[in-house]
Amino acid sequence: MAGNYYQPFSLRVSENLRDKIKFIANQNKRSTNKEIEFILENYVNEYEKNHGAIIIATDE
């Protein structure tokens, strides 16, 4: 599928953690979903900086 399609992903977190992320997202003028995406992208970038690029095989 082309474009900016994002596969839905269910994530279970405590209500307390969700509320804190929601608070941070509001401070950053982002949706909670976009805040989580931002956090995860930063985590992966930091991991790759320390351990090298992660190569993911695609079906393309």
N, C-alpha and C. Protein backbone atom coordinates (compact mmCIF):
# COMPACT_ATOMS: atom_id res chain seq x y z
N MET A 1 0.84 -1.18 0.00
CA MET A 1 0.00 0.00 0.00
C MET A 1 0.88 1.24 0.00
N ALA A 2 0.60 2.20 -0.83
CA ALA A 2 1.40 3.40 -0.97
C ALA A 2 0.89 4.51 -0.05
N GLY A 3 1.67 5.56 0.04
CA GLY A 3 1.24 6.72 0.82
C GLY A 3 1.67 6.64 2.26
N ASN A 4 0.96 7.36 3.10
CA ASN A 4 1.30 7.44 4.52
C ASN A 4 0.45 6.51 5.36
N TYR A 5 0.14 5.34 4.85
CA TYR A 5 -0.66 4.39 5.61
C TYR A 5 0.15 3.85 6.78
N TYR A 6 -0.43 3.91 7.96
CA TYR A 6 0.20 3.35 9.15
C TYR A 6 -0.62 2.17 9.63
N GLN A 7 0.02 1.05 9.82
CA GLN A 7 -0.63 -0.14 10.33
C GLN A 7 -1.09 0.12 11.77
N PRO A 8 -2.35 -0.13 12.08
CA PRO A 8 -2.81 0.04 13.47
C PRO A 8 -2.02 -0.86 14.41
N PHE A 9 -1.75 -0.34 15.60
CA PHE A 9 -0.96 -1.07 16.59
C PHE A 9 -1.57 -0.81 17.95
N SER A 10 -1.97 -1.85 18.62
CA SER A 10 -2.56 -1.72 19.94
C SER A 10 -1.46 -1.78 20.99
N LEU A 11 -1.52 -0.87 21.95
CA LEU A 11 -0.51 -0.82 23.00
C LEU A 11 -1.20 -0.70 24.34
N ARG A 12 -0.89 -1.59 25.24
CA ARG A 12 -1.48 -1.55 26.58
C ARG A 12 -0.48 -0.92 27.54
N VAL A 13 -0.91 0.15 28.18
CA VAL A 13 -0.10 0.82 29.20
C VAL A 13 -1.01 1.17 30.37
N SER A 14 -0.40 1.42 31.50
CA SER A 14 -1.20 1.80 32.66
C SER A 14 -1.90 3.13 32.41
N GLU A 15 -2.98 3.34 33.09
CA GLU A 15 -3.72 4.59 32.98
C GLU A 15 -2.84 5.77 33.39
N ASN A 16 -2.04 5.56 34.43
CA ASN A 16 -1.14 6.61 34.91
C ASN A 16 -0.14 7.02 33.84
N LEU A 17 0.48 6.04 33.19
CA LEU A 17 1.45 6.33 32.13
C LEU A 17 0.77 7.01 30.95
N ARG A 18 -0.40 6.50 30.56
CA ARG A 18 -1.14 7.11 29.46
C ARG A 18 -1.46 8.57 29.75
N ASP A 19 -1.90 8.86 30.97
CA ASP A 19 -2.23 10.24 31.34
C ASP A 19 -1.00 11.14 31.32
N LYS A 20 0.14 10.61 31.72
CA LYS A 20 1.38 11.41 31.70
C LYS A 20 1.82 11.69 30.27
N ILE A 21 1.71 10.68 29.40
CA ILE A 21 2.06 10.90 27.99
C ILE A 21 1.10 11.89 27.36
N LYS A 22 -0.17 11.79 27.71
CA LYS A 22 -1.17 12.72 27.21
C LYS A 22 -0.84 14.15 27.65
N PHE A 23 -0.41 14.32 28.89
CA PHE A 23 -0.01 15.63 29.40
C PHE A 23 1.16 16.19 28.60
N ILE A 24 2.19 15.36 28.39
CA ILE A 24 3.37 15.78 27.63
C ILE A 24 2.98 16.12 26.20
N ALA A 25 2.12 15.31 25.61
CA ALA A 25 1.66 15.56 24.24
C ALA A 25 0.98 16.92 24.14
N ASN A 26 0.13 17.24 25.11
CA ASN A 26 -0.53 18.54 25.11
C ASN A 26 0.48 19.67 25.23
N GLN A 27 1.50 19.50 26.05
CA GLN A 27 2.54 20.51 26.19
C GLN A 27 3.29 20.73 24.88
N ASN A 28 3.44 19.66 24.11
CA ASN A 28 4.15 19.71 22.83
C ASN A 28 3.22 19.95 21.64
N LYS A 29 1.93 20.19 21.93
CA LYS A 29 0.93 20.45 20.89
C LYS A 29 0.86 19.31 19.87
N ARG A 30 0.88 18.07 20.41
CA ARG A 30 0.76 16.88 19.59
C ARG A 30 -0.36 16.02 20.14
N SER A 31 -0.88 15.14 19.30
CA SER A 31 -1.83 14.14 19.79
C SER A 31 -1.04 13.12 20.62
N THR A 32 -1.76 12.39 21.44
CA THR A 32 -1.10 11.34 22.23
C THR A 32 -0.44 10.33 21.31
N ASN A 33 -1.11 9.95 20.24
CA ASN A 33 -0.54 9.00 19.30
C ASN A 33 0.75 9.53 18.68
N LYS A 34 0.75 10.79 18.25
CA LYS A 34 1.95 11.37 17.64
C LYS A 34 3.07 11.51 18.67
N GLU A 35 2.73 11.76 19.92
CA GLU A 35 3.75 11.85 20.98
C GLU A 35 4.41 10.50 21.17
N ILE A 36 3.61 9.44 21.21
CA ILE A 36 4.17 8.08 21.36
C ILE A 36 5.05 7.75 20.16
N GLU A 37 4.59 8.10 18.96
CA GLU A 37 5.39 7.86 17.75
C GLU A 37 6.72 8.62 17.84
N PHE A 38 6.68 9.87 18.28
CA PHE A 38 7.88 10.69 18.44
C PHE A 38 8.85 10.05 19.44
N ILE A 39 8.32 9.59 20.57
CA ILE A 39 9.15 8.94 21.60
C ILE A 39 9.80 7.68 21.05
N LEU A 40 9.02 6.86 20.35
CA LEU A 40 9.56 5.62 19.80
C LEU A 40 10.61 5.88 18.72
N GLU A 41 10.37 6.86 17.86
CA GLU A 41 11.37 7.20 16.83
C GLU A 41 12.68 7.64 17.47
N ASN A 42 12.59 8.47 18.51
CA ASN A 42 13.81 8.91 19.20
C ASN A 42 14.54 7.73 19.84
N TYR A 43 13.78 6.81 20.41
CA TYR A 43 14.38 5.63 21.04
C TYR A 43 15.12 4.78 20.01
N VAL A 44 14.48 4.54 18.87
CA VAL A 44 15.10 3.73 17.81
C VAL A 44 16.33 4.46 17.26
N ASN A 45 16.24 5.75 17.03
CA ASN A 45 17.39 6.52 16.53
C ASN A 45 18.57 6.43 17.49
N GLU A 46 18.30 6.55 18.78
CA GLU A 46 19.36 6.46 19.79
C GLU A 46 19.97 5.05 19.81
N TYR A 47 19.12 4.04 19.70
CA TYR A 47 19.59 2.66 19.66
C TYR A 47 20.52 2.45 18.46
N GLU A 48 20.08 2.92 17.28
CA GLU A 48 20.88 2.76 16.07
C GLU A 48 22.19 3.54 16.16
N LYS A 49 22.17 4.68 16.80
CA LYS A 49 23.39 5.46 16.96
C LYS A 49 24.41 4.68 17.78
N ASN A 50 23.93 3.94 18.78
CA ASN A 50 24.82 3.18 19.67
C ASN A 50 25.15 1.79 19.17
N HIS A 51 24.29 1.20 18.34
CA HIS A 51 24.46 -0.19 17.95
C HIS A 51 24.53 -0.43 16.44
N GLY A 52 24.36 0.61 15.65
CA GLY A 52 24.35 0.45 14.20
C GLY A 52 22.94 0.36 13.66
N ALA A 53 22.84 0.57 12.37
CA ALA A 53 21.53 0.59 11.71
C ALA A 53 20.84 -0.76 11.81
N ILE A 54 19.54 -0.71 11.97
CA ILE A 54 18.71 -1.91 11.97
C ILE A 54 18.18 -2.06 10.55
N ILE A 55 18.51 -3.18 9.94
CA ILE A 55 18.08 -3.45 8.56
C ILE A 55 16.85 -4.34 8.63
N ILE A 56 15.76 -3.88 8.05
CA ILE A 56 14.51 -4.63 8.05
C ILE A 56 14.24 -5.10 6.62
N ALA A 57 14.05 -6.39 6.45
CA ALA A 57 13.73 -6.94 5.13
C ALA A 57 12.30 -6.57 4.78
N THR A 58 12.08 -6.18 3.54
CA THR A 58 10.73 -5.85 3.08
C THR A 58 10.33 -6.81 1.98
N ASP A 59 9.05 -6.88 1.72
CA ASP A 59 8.53 -7.75 0.67
C ASP A 59 8.53 -7.06 -0.69
N GLU A 60 9.03 -5.86 -0.78
CA GLU A 60 8.98 -5.09 -2.05
C GLU A 60 9.98 -5.60 -3.05
